[in-house]
Amino acid sequence: MTKIIQNYSAESNTFSVRKGKVYLVGCGLGDVEQLTLKAYRIIREAQIVLYDHLITDEILALIPDGTRKVYVGKPQKSHSISQDRINNLIVDYASQGYSVARLKSGDPYIFGRGAEEALYLGERGYIVEVVAGISSSISGPACAGIPPTARGYAASFSVVSAHLKDDKFNGDWLALLTIPNHTTVVLMGLSLVSAIRRAALKSGVAKDLPAAIISNASRPEQKSVVTTLYGLTKAAKTVDGPAVIVFGDVVKLHGKLPEFVSQSVEIR
């Protein structure tokens, strides 16, 4: 059984619990071999582990049997646990002296709400360490043989979210699709492909702009669908989340570069 760490004060003749350290751990795409050594060590050593539905069974299997595991999943359209509740849970365990690992898919600071949690904890006097993870914005396309940048195809790339607070559509980034020699990687956009397609076409983006959807990257069920902006909605119906969407000429390199063993289809 885990012992609570306490400090004794002779002057007040009372005990006080020492605050536990909190780790925000980036777990990458889900492939265990893509974990950093530090992430692996913390997963093995933390006394409390909070995880959500994006953390794979393979990573969860690394958690020792005696560690307390707390599910804080927030699947889309079924937010069973609010962010405020998650923050309070972390504080509750850390205030008891436990070391707490909050597992995050990808990287905690790339649309992972890691900054919100770090600020919340820091303002309350808790020691927080952020452990970087491989972001799906980079490794997702790479798993499909699509490099975000490549000479002659893209000299720059952007990473955007299609979601705003309260699941509102974010279209502020659509102008990026008109930049020559540029790649745009969209996270959390699978459920909004119809809105993306409609708004992009309305704003004058070429309907034949190359696009790809990579779902479950690095996992056994990975699937890549190559299409265009015009065919985006139809393509999205053939995959399940989590997924990243890639726009730009680099999509043309799919099938020519090494990729994670997966299913690949083409929809026009």
Protein backbone atom coordinates (compact mmCIF):
# COMPACT_ATOMS: atom_id res chain seq x y z
CA MET A 1 0.00 0.00 0.00
CA THR A 2 1.27 3.49 -0.82
CA LYS A 3 2.24 5.55 2.20
CA ILE A 4 1.27 9.21 2.43
CA ILE A 5 4.30 11.42 3.00
CA GLN A 6 3.93 13.73 5.98
CA ASN A 7 6.01 16.50 7.55
CA TYR A 8 6.01 17.04 11.32
CA SER A 9 6.14 20.53 12.81
CA ALA A 10 7.46 20.62 16.40
CA GLU A 11 6.25 24.19 16.93
CA SER A 12 2.63 23.53 16.09
CA ASN A 13 2.72 19.87 17.12
CA THR A 14 0.81 19.01 13.93
CA PHE A 15 1.36 17.02 10.79
CA SER A 16 1.01 18.42 7.24
CA VAL A 17 0.91 16.44 4.03
CA ARG A 18 3.66 17.29 1.53
CA LYS A 19 2.29 18.03 -1.94
CA GLY A 20 3.00 15.40 -4.53
CA LYS A 21 4.58 16.18 -7.89
CA VAL A 22 2.45 16.17 -11.03
CA TYR A 23 3.66 15.01 -14.43
CA LEU A 24 1.87 15.88 -17.67
CA VAL A 25 3.12 13.05 -19.86
CA GLY A 26 3.02 13.08 -23.65
CA CYS A 27 2.38 9.52 -24.84
CA GLY A 28 2.67 10.04 -28.59
CA LEU A 29 0.39 8.27 -31.03
CA GLY A 30 -0.07 5.08 -29.04
CA ASP A 31 2.82 2.92 -30.22
CA VAL A 32 4.73 1.92 -27.07
CA GLU A 33 8.07 2.09 -28.90
CA GLN A 34 7.48 5.78 -29.63
CA LEU A 35 7.36 6.68 -25.94
CA THR A 36 10.33 8.65 -24.65
CA LEU A 37 12.45 6.95 -21.99
CA LYS A 38 11.31 9.58 -19.50
CA ALA A 39 7.63 8.99 -20.24
CA TYR A 40 8.17 5.25 -19.80
CA ARG A 41 9.91 5.75 -16.45
CA ILE A 42 7.21 8.05 -15.08
CA ILE A 43 4.43 5.70 -16.18
CA ARG A 44 6.19 2.93 -14.28
CA GLU A 45 6.93 4.99 -11.16
CA ALA A 46 3.91 7.27 -10.61
CA GLN A 47 1.59 6.37 -7.76
CA ILE A 48 -1.56 7.69 -9.47
CA VAL A 49 -2.14 7.58 -13.24
CA LEU A 50 -4.96 9.52 -14.92
CA TYR A 51 -5.70 8.52 -18.51
CA ASP A 52 -8.34 9.01 -21.20
CA HIS A 53 -9.80 7.10 -24.14
CA LEU A 54 -6.93 8.05 -26.49
CA ILE A 55 -4.30 6.15 -24.48
CA THR A 56 -3.80 2.69 -25.99
CA ASP A 57 -4.08 -0.60 -24.14
CA GLU A 58 -0.41 -1.25 -24.91
CA ILE A 59 0.64 1.85 -22.97
CA LEU A 60 -1.79 1.15 -20.14
CA ALA A 61 -0.25 -2.32 -19.83
CA LEU A 62 3.00 -0.66 -18.73
CA ILE A 63 1.35 0.62 -15.54
CA PRO A 64 2.25 -1.65 -12.59
CA ASP A 65 -0.59 -3.63 -11.03
CA GLY A 66 -0.31 -1.79 -7.71
CA THR A 67 -0.70 1.66 -9.25
CA ARG A 68 -4.05 3.39 -8.95
CA LYS A 69 -5.49 4.05 -12.42
CA VAL A 70 -8.19 6.69 -12.87
CA TYR A 71 -10.12 6.98 -16.14
CA VAL A 72 -10.88 10.57 -17.11
CA GLY A 73 -12.01 9.99 -20.67
CA LYS A 74 -13.72 12.74 -22.62
CA PRO A 75 -14.88 11.11 -25.87
CA GLN A 76 -16.33 13.61 -28.32
CA LYS A 77 -20.02 14.45 -27.74
CA SER A 78 -19.89 12.48 -24.49
CA HIS A 79 -17.86 14.56 -22.08
CA SER A 80 -18.36 12.30 -19.08
CA ILE A 81 -15.77 14.21 -17.04
CA SER A 82 -15.28 17.95 -17.35
CA GLN A 83 -11.89 19.63 -17.48
CA ASP A 84 -12.62 21.28 -14.13
CA ARG A 85 -13.30 17.88 -12.62
CA ILE A 86 -10.02 16.53 -14.01
CA ASN A 87 -8.14 19.50 -12.56
CA ASN A 88 -9.74 18.90 -9.18
CA LEU A 89 -8.90 15.19 -9.27
CA ILE A 90 -5.24 15.92 -9.92
CA VAL A 91 -5.17 18.42 -7.05
CA ASP A 92 -6.97 15.99 -4.76
CA TYR A 93 -4.40 13.23 -5.28
CA ALA A 94 -1.37 15.53 -5.29
CA SER A 95 -2.55 17.24 -2.09
CA GLN A 96 -2.39 13.84 -0.39
CA GLY A 97 1.28 13.51 -1.29
CA TYR A 98 0.93 11.16 -4.23
CA SER A 99 3.01 11.52 -7.38
CA VAL A 100 0.50 11.92 -10.21
CA ALA A 101 0.95 11.21 -13.92
CA ARG A 102 -1.64 12.69 -16.27
CA LEU A 103 -1.22 10.80 -19.54
CA LYS A 104 -1.81 12.79 -22.72
CA SER A 105 -2.08 11.58 -26.30
CA GLY A 106 0.56 13.19 -28.51
CA ASP A 107 2.23 16.17 -26.85
CA PRO A 108 0.65 17.92 -23.82
CA TYR A 109 1.13 21.37 -25.34
CA ILE A 110 -0.18 20.64 -28.87
CA PHE A 111 -3.95 21.02 -28.46
CA GLY A 112 -3.75 18.79 -25.41
CA ARG A 113 -4.94 21.31 -22.79
CA GLY A 114 -1.65 20.77 -21.01
CA ALA A 115 -1.14 24.50 -20.58
CA GLU A 116 -4.51 24.83 -18.83
CA GLU A 117 -3.68 22.07 -16.38
CA ALA A 118 -0.14 23.33 -15.76
CA LEU A 119 -1.43 26.85 -15.04
CA TYR A 120 -4.16 25.57 -12.74
CA LEU A 121 -1.71 23.48 -10.72
CA GLY A 122 1.06 26.09 -10.68
CA GLU A 123 -1.29 28.75 -9.36
CA ARG A 124 -2.06 26.45 -6.44
CA GLY A 125 1.54 25.77 -5.56
CA TYR A 126 2.03 22.32 -7.08
CA ILE A 127 5.26 21.30 -8.79
CA VAL A 128 4.49 20.34 -12.39
CA GLU A 129 6.77 18.73 -14.96
CA VAL A 130 5.75 18.56 -18.61
CA VAL A 131 7.12 15.57 -20.52
CA ALA A 132 7.10 16.20 -24.25
CA GLY A 133 5.61 13.59 -26.55
CA ILE A 134 5.62 12.97 -30.29
CA SER A 135 2.75 15.00 -31.73
CA SER A 136 0.33 13.42 -34.18
CA SER A 137 0.67 16.58 -36.26
CA ILE A 138 4.13 15.39 -37.32
CA SER A 139 4.23 11.64 -36.80
CA GLY A 140 0.68 11.01 -38.04
CA PRO A 141 1.48 12.12 -41.60
CA ALA A 142 4.90 10.43 -41.37
CA CYS A 143 3.22 7.10 -40.57
CA ALA A 144 1.37 7.46 -43.88
CA GLY A 145 4.51 8.30 -45.84
CA ILE A 146 3.58 11.98 -46.04
CA PRO A 147 6.30 14.41 -44.85
CA PRO A 148 4.98 17.77 -43.60
CA THR A 149 7.88 19.43 -45.44
CA ALA A 150 9.81 18.29 -48.52
CA ARG A 151 11.91 20.18 -51.03
CA GLY A 152 9.81 21.07 -54.05
CA TYR A 153 6.55 20.33 -52.23
CA ALA A 154 6.41 22.34 -48.99
CA ALA A 155 8.84 24.77 -47.39
CA SER A 156 6.61 25.37 -44.36
CA PHE A 157 3.71 23.84 -42.50
CA SER A 158 1.01 24.84 -40.03
CA VAL A 159 -0.78 22.88 -37.35
CA VAL A 160 -4.35 23.92 -36.61
CA SER A 161 -7.40 22.74 -34.72
CA ALA A 162 -10.81 22.64 -36.36
CA HIS A 163 -12.47 22.98 -32.96
CA LEU A 164 -13.05 25.97 -30.74
CA LYS A 165 -14.46 25.88 -27.23
CA ASP A 166 -17.85 24.17 -26.93
CA ASP A 167 -17.18 22.23 -30.16
CA LYS A 168 -17.65 25.29 -32.37
CA PHE A 169 -16.11 25.19 -35.83
CA ASN A 170 -12.85 27.08 -36.26
CA GLY A 171 -12.36 28.37 -39.80
CA ASP A 172 -9.82 31.10 -39.16
CA TRP A 173 -7.05 28.98 -40.66
CA LEU A 174 -8.67 28.29 -44.05
CA ALA A 175 -6.59 30.99 -45.77
CA LEU A 176 -3.55 28.78 -45.14
CA LEU A 177 -4.87 26.39 -47.78
CA THR A 178 -4.17 28.98 -50.47
CA ILE A 179 -0.47 29.44 -49.59
CA PRO A 180 1.79 27.91 -52.25
CA ASN A 181 4.41 25.37 -51.17
CA HIS A 182 2.73 24.95 -47.78
CA THR A 183 1.28 22.07 -45.76
CA THR A 184 -1.64 22.40 -43.35
CA VAL A 185 -2.19 19.68 -40.75
CA VAL A 186 -5.61 19.69 -39.08
CA LEU A 187 -6.16 18.06 -35.71
CA MET A 188 -9.59 17.21 -34.30
CA GLY A 189 -11.21 17.81 -37.66
CA LEU A 190 -12.72 14.46 -38.65
CA SER A 191 -16.19 15.25 -37.33
CA LEU A 192 -16.11 18.65 -39.05
CA VAL A 193 -15.00 17.68 -42.56
CA SER A 194 -18.27 18.80 -44.11
CA ALA A 195 -17.91 22.25 -42.56
CA ILE A 196 -14.24 22.41 -43.59
CA ARG A 197 -15.01 21.41 -47.17
CA ARG A 198 -17.95 23.78 -47.51
CA ALA A 199 -16.15 26.78 -46.00
CA ALA A 200 -12.93 26.15 -47.94
CA LEU A 201 -14.68 25.85 -51.31
CA LYS A 202 -16.75 28.95 -50.55
CA SER A 203 -13.57 30.92 -49.79
CA GLY A 204 -12.05 29.97 -53.14
CA VAL A 205 -9.72 27.11 -52.24
CA ALA A 206 -9.07 24.85 -55.24
CA LYS A 207 -11.31 21.81 -55.13
CA ASP A 208 -8.46 19.58 -56.37
CA LEU A 209 -6.17 20.53 -53.46
CA PRO A 210 -4.54 17.24 -52.39
CA ALA A 211 -5.74 15.96 -49.04
CA ALA A 212 -5.26 12.89 -46.88
CA ILE A 213 -6.86 11.51 -43.75
CA ILE A 214 -4.74 9.30 -41.50
CA SER A 215 -6.65 7.53 -38.76
CA ASN A 216 -5.22 5.57 -35.82
CA ALA A 217 -1.66 6.35 -36.89
CA SER A 218 1.00 3.94 -35.58
CA ARG A 219 -1.66 1.50 -34.41
CA PRO A 220 -2.53 -1.88 -35.97
CA GLU A 221 -5.78 -0.41 -37.37
CA GLN A 222 -4.06 2.55 -39.05
CA LYS A 223 -5.74 3.59 -42.29
CA SER A 224 -4.75 6.26 -44.81
CA VAL A 225 -7.17 7.77 -47.31
CA VAL A 226 -5.82 9.98 -50.11
CA THR A 227 -8.31 12.36 -51.67
CA THR A 228 -8.86 16.04 -52.53
CA LEU A 229 -10.67 18.88 -50.83
CA TYR A 230 -13.71 18.09 -53.00
CA GLY A 231 -13.74 14.42 -51.95
CA LEU A 232 -13.03 15.06 -48.28
CA THR A 233 -16.52 14.37 -46.91
CA LYS A 234 -16.83 11.10 -48.77
CA ALA A 235 -13.36 10.01 -47.64
CA ALA A 236 -14.11 10.77 -43.99
CA LYS A 237 -16.96 8.27 -44.01
CA THR A 238 -14.47 5.44 -44.52
CA VAL A 239 -12.37 6.02 -41.38
CA ASP A 240 -12.72 6.22 -37.62
CA GLY A 241 -11.00 8.60 -35.22
CA PRO A 242 -8.64 9.66 -33.90
CA ALA A 243 -7.40 11.12 -37.17
CA VAL A 244 -5.34 13.92 -38.69
CA ILE A 245 -6.07 15.65 -41.98
CA VAL A 246 -3.28 16.84 -44.25
CA PHE A 247 -3.66 19.40 -47.04
CA GLY A 248 -0.99 20.22 -49.59
CA ASP A 249 1.20 18.90 -52.37
CA VAL A 250 3.14 16.68 -49.94
CA VAL A 251 0.16 14.31 -50.09
CA LYS A 252 1.39 13.39 -53.59
CA LEU A 253 4.34 11.63 -51.95
CA HIS A 254 2.04 9.07 -50.37
CA GLY A 255 2.93 5.66 -51.74
CA LYS A 256 6.45 6.75 -52.65
CA LEU A 257 7.96 6.98 -49.17
CA PRO A 258 8.24 4.44 -46.31
CA GLU A 259 5.16 4.18 -44.14
CA PHE A 260 3.76 2.29 -41.20
CA VAL A 261 2.13 -0.94 -42.37
CA SER A 262 -1.47 0.07 -42.88
CA GLN A 263 -4.51 0.19 -45.11
CA SER A 264 -4.29 2.78 -47.89
CA VAL A 265 -7.07 3.78 -50.28
CA GLU A 266 -7.68 6.59 -52.73
CA ILE A 267 -10.96 8.48 -53.01
CA ARG A 268 -11.55 11.26 -55.56
